[in-house]
Protein backbone atom coordinates (compact mmCIF):
# COMPACT_ATOMS: atom_id res chain seq x y z
CA MET A 1 -35.98 -57.52 19.18
CA PHE A 2 -39.33 -55.77 18.47
CA SER A 3 -38.82 -54.15 15.05
CA ALA A 4 -41.06 -51.46 13.32
CA ASP A 5 -40.57 -52.47 9.67
CA ASN A 6 -43.78 -52.12 8.25
CA TRP A 7 -43.46 -48.33 7.69
CA GLU A 8 -43.93 -46.95 3.89
CA ASP A 9 -44.08 -43.47 4.63
CA PHE A 10 -41.02 -43.26 7.25
CA GLU A 11 -37.62 -45.16 7.07
CA VAL A 12 -33.85 -44.46 8.73
CA ILE A 13 -31.89 -44.70 5.72
CA TYR A 14 -28.39 -44.10 7.30
CA ALA A 15 -27.05 -43.79 10.83
CA GLY A 16 -23.76 -43.41 12.49
CA GLY A 17 -21.51 -40.83 14.29
CA GLY A 18 -24.31 -40.22 16.64
CA GLU A 19 -26.71 -39.27 14.17
CA LYS A 20 -29.49 -40.50 11.68
CA TYR A 21 -30.83 -39.56 8.16
CA GLU A 22 -34.78 -40.14 8.08
CA ARG A 23 -37.28 -39.69 5.55
CA TRP A 24 -40.56 -38.45 6.86
CA GLY A 25 -42.65 -38.86 3.66
CA ASP A 26 -41.14 -36.57 1.36
CA VAL A 27 -39.16 -34.57 3.95
CA TYR A 28 -35.11 -35.90 4.85
CA LEU A 29 -34.21 -34.97 8.37
CA ARG A 30 -30.84 -35.34 9.86
CA ARG A 31 -30.73 -35.26 13.76
CA PRO A 32 -28.90 -36.59 16.58
CA ASP A 33 -29.15 -40.31 17.96
CA PRO A 34 -27.24 -41.57 20.74
CA GLN A 35 -27.25 -45.12 19.81
CA SER A 36 -25.72 -44.89 16.45
CA VAL A 37 -22.18 -45.35 18.00
CA TRP A 38 -20.46 -46.45 14.83
CA PRO A 39 -18.72 -43.91 12.49
CA ILE A 40 -20.54 -42.71 9.18
CA LEU A 41 -19.47 -45.19 6.66
CA CYS A 42 -20.63 -43.11 3.56
CA GLU A 43 -21.68 -39.69 2.37
CA TRP A 44 -25.25 -38.83 3.07
CA PRO A 45 -27.54 -37.07 0.97
CA LYS A 46 -28.32 -33.20 1.79
CA PRO A 47 -31.49 -33.25 3.83
CA HIS A 48 -34.01 -30.69 4.16
CA ALA A 49 -32.90 -29.78 7.68
CA ILE A 50 -30.44 -30.64 10.36
CA TYR A 51 -30.58 -30.51 14.00
CA ASN A 52 -27.66 -29.00 15.68
CA ARG A 53 -27.34 -29.23 19.28
CA SER A 54 -26.25 -26.04 21.43
CA GLN A 55 -23.43 -26.11 23.91
CA THR A 56 -25.73 -24.55 26.39
CA GLY A 57 -28.45 -27.28 25.88
CA GLY A 58 -31.19 -27.73 23.61
CA GLY A 59 -30.61 -26.95 19.73
CA SER A 60 -32.25 -25.76 16.98
CA TRP A 61 -32.86 -26.90 12.88
CA THR A 62 -30.93 -25.69 10.22
CA LYS A 63 -33.08 -25.61 7.32
CA ILE A 64 -31.06 -26.44 3.91
CA LYS A 65 -33.87 -27.02 1.83
CA PRO A 66 -37.79 -25.41 1.45
CA MET A 67 -39.97 -27.63 3.65
CA PRO A 68 -43.41 -27.32 5.06
CA SER A 69 -43.44 -26.33 8.94
CA ASN A 70 -45.58 -29.57 9.50
CA TRP A 71 -46.98 -32.35 7.11
CA LYS A 72 -48.75 -35.47 7.37
CA ILE A 73 -47.54 -39.28 7.19
CA LYS A 74 -49.57 -42.59 7.22
CA TYR A 75 -49.02 -45.66 8.58
CA ASN A 76 -50.98 -48.97 7.79
CA SER A 77 -51.66 -51.00 10.99
CA LEU A 78 -52.81 -54.27 9.99
CA GLY A 79 -54.79 -52.95 7.59
CA LYS A 80 -56.19 -49.70 9.63
CA GLU A 81 -54.80 -46.54 8.11
CA LEU A 82 -53.37 -44.02 10.96
CA THR A 83 -52.43 -40.37 10.15
CA PHE A 84 -50.06 -38.16 11.99
CA ILE A 85 -48.87 -34.74 11.97
CA ILE A 86 -45.14 -34.34 11.72
CA GLU A 87 -43.76 -31.03 13.04
CA PRO A 88 -39.86 -30.76 14.06
CA THR A 89 -39.53 -29.11 17.52
CA SER A 90 -36.79 -27.24 19.44
CA PHE A 91 -35.97 -30.66 21.20
CA LYS A 92 -34.94 -32.43 18.07
CA HIS A 93 -38.38 -34.61 18.08
CA THR A 94 -40.91 -34.32 15.34
CA GLY A 95 -44.23 -35.47 17.45
CA LEU A 96 -44.03 -39.07 16.90
CA PHE A 97 -41.89 -42.25 17.78
CA PRO A 98 -42.28 -44.28 14.74
CA GLU A 99 -40.56 -47.29 16.44
CA GLN A 100 -43.74 -47.57 18.69
CA ALA A 101 -45.34 -49.06 15.45
CA ALA A 102 -44.23 -52.25 16.78
CA ASN A 103 -46.40 -51.91 19.91
CA TRP A 104 -49.46 -50.62 17.98
CA ASP A 105 -49.85 -53.48 15.85
CA TYR A 106 -49.38 -55.94 18.71
CA CYS A 107 -52.23 -54.05 20.81
CA GLY A 108 -54.27 -53.91 17.55
CA ASN A 109 -54.01 -57.85 16.96
CA LEU A 110 -54.96 -58.59 20.51
CA ILE A 111 -58.19 -56.22 20.47
CA GLU A 112 -59.13 -57.56 17.23
CA ASN A 113 -58.57 -61.29 18.35
CA ALA A 114 -60.58 -60.59 21.33
CA LYS A 115 -63.28 -58.97 19.61
CA LYS A 116 -63.64 -61.93 17.25
CA GLN A 117 -63.83 -64.33 20.14
CA GLY A 118 -66.83 -62.25 21.55
CA LYS A 119 -65.14 -60.08 24.23
CA LYS A 120 -67.17 -57.02 24.64
CA ASP A 121 -66.62 -53.53 26.40
CA ILE A 122 -63.01 -53.38 25.79
CA LYS A 123 -61.32 -50.67 27.58
CA ILE A 124 -57.42 -49.33 26.99
CA LEU A 125 -55.64 -47.18 29.28
CA ASN A 126 -52.62 -45.34 27.57
CA LEU A 127 -50.56 -43.33 30.37
CA PHE A 128 -47.76 -40.85 29.17
CA ALA A 129 -49.67 -40.98 25.93
CA TYR A 130 -48.13 -38.27 23.94
CA THR A 131 -49.19 -37.67 20.66
CA GLY A 132 -51.70 -40.83 20.69
CA GLY A 133 -50.08 -43.24 18.41
CA ALA A 134 -51.11 -46.16 20.71
CA THR A 135 -54.66 -44.39 21.35
CA ILE A 136 -55.40 -44.02 17.71
CA ALA A 137 -54.32 -47.60 17.30
CA SER A 138 -56.40 -49.09 19.99
CA ALA A 139 -59.31 -47.17 18.71
CA ALA A 140 -58.95 -47.94 15.16
CA HIS A 141 -58.53 -51.76 16.10
CA GLY A 142 -62.09 -51.92 17.71
CA ALA A 143 -61.54 -50.73 21.51
CA ASP A 144 -64.75 -49.67 22.85
CA GLU A 145 -63.35 -47.14 25.18
CA THR A 146 -59.54 -45.70 25.06
CA VAL A 147 -58.79 -43.36 27.75
CA HIS A 148 -55.50 -40.87 26.72
CA VAL A 149 -53.44 -39.45 29.77
CA ASP A 150 -50.66 -36.91 29.35
CA ALA A 151 -49.57 -34.02 31.47
CA SER A 152 -49.24 -31.76 28.59
CA LYS A 153 -52.21 -29.90 27.03
CA GLY A 154 -50.27 -29.40 23.85
CA MET A 155 -49.72 -33.12 23.25
CA ILE A 156 -53.28 -33.82 23.89
CA ALA A 157 -54.15 -31.03 21.30
CA ARG A 158 -52.17 -32.96 18.82
CA ALA A 159 -53.37 -36.33 19.79
CA LYS A 160 -57.03 -35.27 18.98
CA GLU A 161 -55.72 -33.62 15.70
CA ASN A 162 -54.03 -36.99 14.79
CA LEU A 163 -57.31 -39.06 15.70
CA LYS A 164 -59.28 -36.71 13.49
CA GLU A 165 -56.65 -37.11 10.65
CA SER A 166 -56.86 -40.86 10.79
CA GLY A 167 -60.84 -40.75 10.81
CA TYR A 168 -61.68 -42.00 14.06
CA ALA A 169 -63.01 -38.96 15.63
CA ASP A 170 -66.32 -40.85 16.13
CA LYS A 171 -64.69 -43.34 18.19
CA TYR A 172 -64.88 -43.37 22.29
CA VAL A 173 -61.97 -41.53 23.10
CA ARG A 174 -61.31 -39.91 26.41
CA PHE A 175 -58.58 -37.31 26.55
CA ILE A 176 -57.00 -36.43 30.34
CA ALA A 177 -54.45 -33.62 30.76
CA GLU A 178 -53.57 -34.84 34.00
CA ASP A 179 -50.54 -36.23 36.03
CA CYS A 180 -50.33 -39.91 35.25
CA MET A 181 -49.77 -41.10 38.82
CA SER A 182 -52.75 -38.78 40.29
CA PHE A 183 -55.13 -40.28 37.49
CA VAL A 184 -54.07 -43.64 38.50
CA ASP A 185 -54.68 -43.19 42.08
CA ARG A 186 -58.20 -41.80 41.44
CA GLU A 187 -58.98 -44.51 38.90
CA ILE A 188 -58.20 -47.11 41.86
CA ARG A 189 -60.46 -45.46 44.23
CA ARG A 190 -63.09 -45.21 41.89
CA GLY A 191 -63.01 -49.26 41.04
CA ARG A 192 -62.35 -48.60 37.50
CA LYS A 193 -60.85 -51.36 35.49
CA TYR A 194 -58.98 -51.83 32.07
CA ASP A 195 -58.58 -54.53 29.62
CA GLY A 196 -55.08 -53.06 28.25
CA ILE A 197 -52.52 -50.74 29.81
CA ILE A 198 -49.68 -48.93 27.84
CA MET A 199 -47.44 -46.85 29.20
CA ASP A 200 -44.43 -45.09 28.08
CA PRO A 201 -43.09 -43.02 30.79
CA PRO A 202 -40.17 -40.18 30.90
CA ALA A 203 -36.72 -40.94 32.26
CA TYR A 204 -37.41 -38.13 34.59
CA GLY A 205 -40.58 -36.18 35.92
CA ARG A 206 -42.40 -34.67 38.52
CA GLY A 207 -45.23 -36.31 40.94
CA PRO A 208 -48.59 -34.90 41.80
CA LYS A 209 -47.02 -32.66 44.48
CA GLY A 210 -44.19 -31.39 42.19
CA GLU A 211 -41.71 -33.78 43.46
CA LEU A 212 -38.92 -34.99 41.28
CA TRP A 213 -38.64 -38.66 40.56
CA LYS A 214 -36.34 -40.87 38.45
CA LEU A 215 -38.13 -43.76 36.31
CA GLU A 216 -35.86 -46.35 37.85
CA ASP A 217 -37.00 -45.47 41.22
CA ALA A 218 -40.69 -45.09 40.44
CA LEU A 219 -41.40 -48.00 37.62
CA TYR A 220 -42.07 -50.68 40.01
CA ASP A 221 -44.40 -48.57 42.18
CA LEU A 222 -46.09 -47.25 39.20
CA VAL A 223 -46.57 -50.82 37.68
CA THR A 224 -48.12 -52.32 40.72
CA LYS A 225 -50.74 -49.48 41.06
CA CYS A 226 -51.43 -50.02 37.45
CA GLU A 227 -51.84 -53.79 37.96
CA GLN A 228 -54.83 -52.86 40.16
CA LEU A 229 -56.52 -51.52 37.17
CA LEU A 230 -56.61 -54.47 35.26
CA SER A 231 -59.71 -56.37 34.47
CA ASP A 232 -60.57 -60.09 35.50
CA ASP A 233 -59.99 -60.72 31.54
CA PRO A 234 -57.08 -58.58 30.47
CA LEU A 235 -55.22 -58.52 27.34
CA PHE A 236 -51.97 -56.79 27.69
CA PHE A 237 -49.81 -54.63 29.54
CA ILE A 238 -47.01 -52.93 27.86
CA ILE A 239 -44.02 -50.79 29.07
CA SER A 240 -41.82 -48.84 26.92
CA SER A 241 -38.69 -46.80 28.41
CA TYR A 242 -35.90 -44.74 26.79
CA ALA A 243 -34.32 -44.26 30.32
CA SER A 244 -30.75 -45.68 29.46
CA GLU A 245 -30.58 -47.05 33.06
CA ILE A 246 -33.66 -49.68 32.63
CA THR A 247 -33.09 -52.25 30.26
CA ALA A 248 -35.55 -54.59 28.39
CA GLN A 249 -34.67 -57.29 30.92
CA ALA A 250 -35.25 -54.96 33.71
CA SER A 251 -38.61 -53.66 32.62
CA GLY A 252 -39.79 -57.24 31.94
CA ASP A 253 -38.75 -58.42 35.53
CA VAL A 254 -41.02 -55.75 36.89
CA LEU A 255 -43.84 -56.85 34.67
CA ALA A 256 -43.05 -60.50 35.93
CA LEU A 257 -43.00 -59.34 39.61
CA GLY A 258 -45.77 -56.70 39.43
CA VAL A 259 -48.25 -58.23 37.18
CA ALA A 260 -47.56 -61.97 36.00
CA GLN A 261 -47.07 -63.36 39.68
CA LYS A 262 -50.65 -62.44 40.30
CA HIS A 263 -52.32 -62.89 36.68
CA GLY A 264 -50.20 -65.53 35.38
CA GLY A 265 -49.48 -65.42 31.70
CA SER A 266 -45.89 -64.63 30.16
CA VAL A 267 -43.60 -61.68 29.76
CA ASP A 268 -41.59 -60.96 26.45
CA ALA A 269 -39.05 -58.06 27.02
CA GLN A 270 -36.73 -56.83 24.04
CA GLU A 271 -35.01 -53.79 22.42
CA LEU A 272 -37.51 -51.70 20.35
CA CYS A 273 -35.92 -51.03 16.99
CA LEU A 274 -36.12 -49.51 13.66
CA PRO A 275 -34.48 -51.30 10.41
CA ILE A 276 -31.86 -48.91 8.87
CA SER A 277 -32.62 -49.45 5.24
CA GLN A 278 -29.44 -48.82 3.52
CA MET A 279 -27.02 -50.65 6.07
CA GLY A 280 -28.58 -53.69 6.49
CA ILE A 281 -28.74 -53.42 10.44
CA HIS A 282 -31.26 -52.24 13.20
CA LEU A 283 -30.99 -48.87 15.27
CA PRO A 284 -32.11 -49.63 19.03
CA CYS A 285 -34.98 -47.19 20.18
CA GLY A 286 -35.34 -48.39 23.54
CA ALA A 287 -36.81 -51.22 25.67
CA THR A 288 -40.20 -52.55 25.39
CA ALA A 289 -41.80 -55.43 27.90
CA ARG A 290 -44.92 -56.95 26.95
CA TRP A 291 -47.37 -58.95 29.42
CA THR A 292 -50.28 -61.07 28.16
CA PRO A 293 -52.25 -63.84 29.76
CA GLY A 294 -52.19 -65.74 26.48
CA THR A 295 -55.87 -65.79 25.96
CA TYR A 296 -56.22 -63.82 22.77
CA LEU A 297 -52.87 -64.41 21.16
């Protein structure tokens, strides 16, 4: 498994009964998690807020204790401090997927190693980039250009805030509000190349013409298109997926067929996890597959 176990400002403390109890800085939240399939095995402390699902879809937060509407937490990524604004939403999310820290460190290590070995003009592409965790990590670890693509203007606005709060507003980051597939097609036509590609696509989405698609049907084509954007001296290609139909092995197979067969190197595909601090186990948080040619490990 890939475990994001270097957090100080965040932890999953308990999980069970389809829920989890988390600490985000000084704020404690209780919210649903479908992977906590065992029962609640002890009494949990009272949180600041609980997320309650609605029978008609969606849900809402019930505040138990006074808490801010948003606040900041930090993450130390191999010596680089990243700062994120946390804000609970009506869809139970908080504006950050902390398990992705395992991938931030992985990308950062490869970027730093490449810089030490004299590689110049490192370009990273972050697709379905959300609030910018991987974008900020790439910039912090020395990427010369990071391209952040997301269809949501609201998420891009928050990513810009996170970049500024982290102290990297002077880094060359391009924020693109566009459908990711349309962007990739255009970059192929332009002949653009990237040394690292990161993608975290949703389970369901819409194409450039509004057509509905499911990730299991679209993933291979998306990866093979993105492969055309890899430079001649690439660092990595990373896929994360929260779609239950796509296992880590399936994601790894897509990278093996779509990338490794052409570029060589190796693929490592595992579950992405968070440690549950008071239970001695890990909470599964989706699948991640990583490809690297091995040059800069």
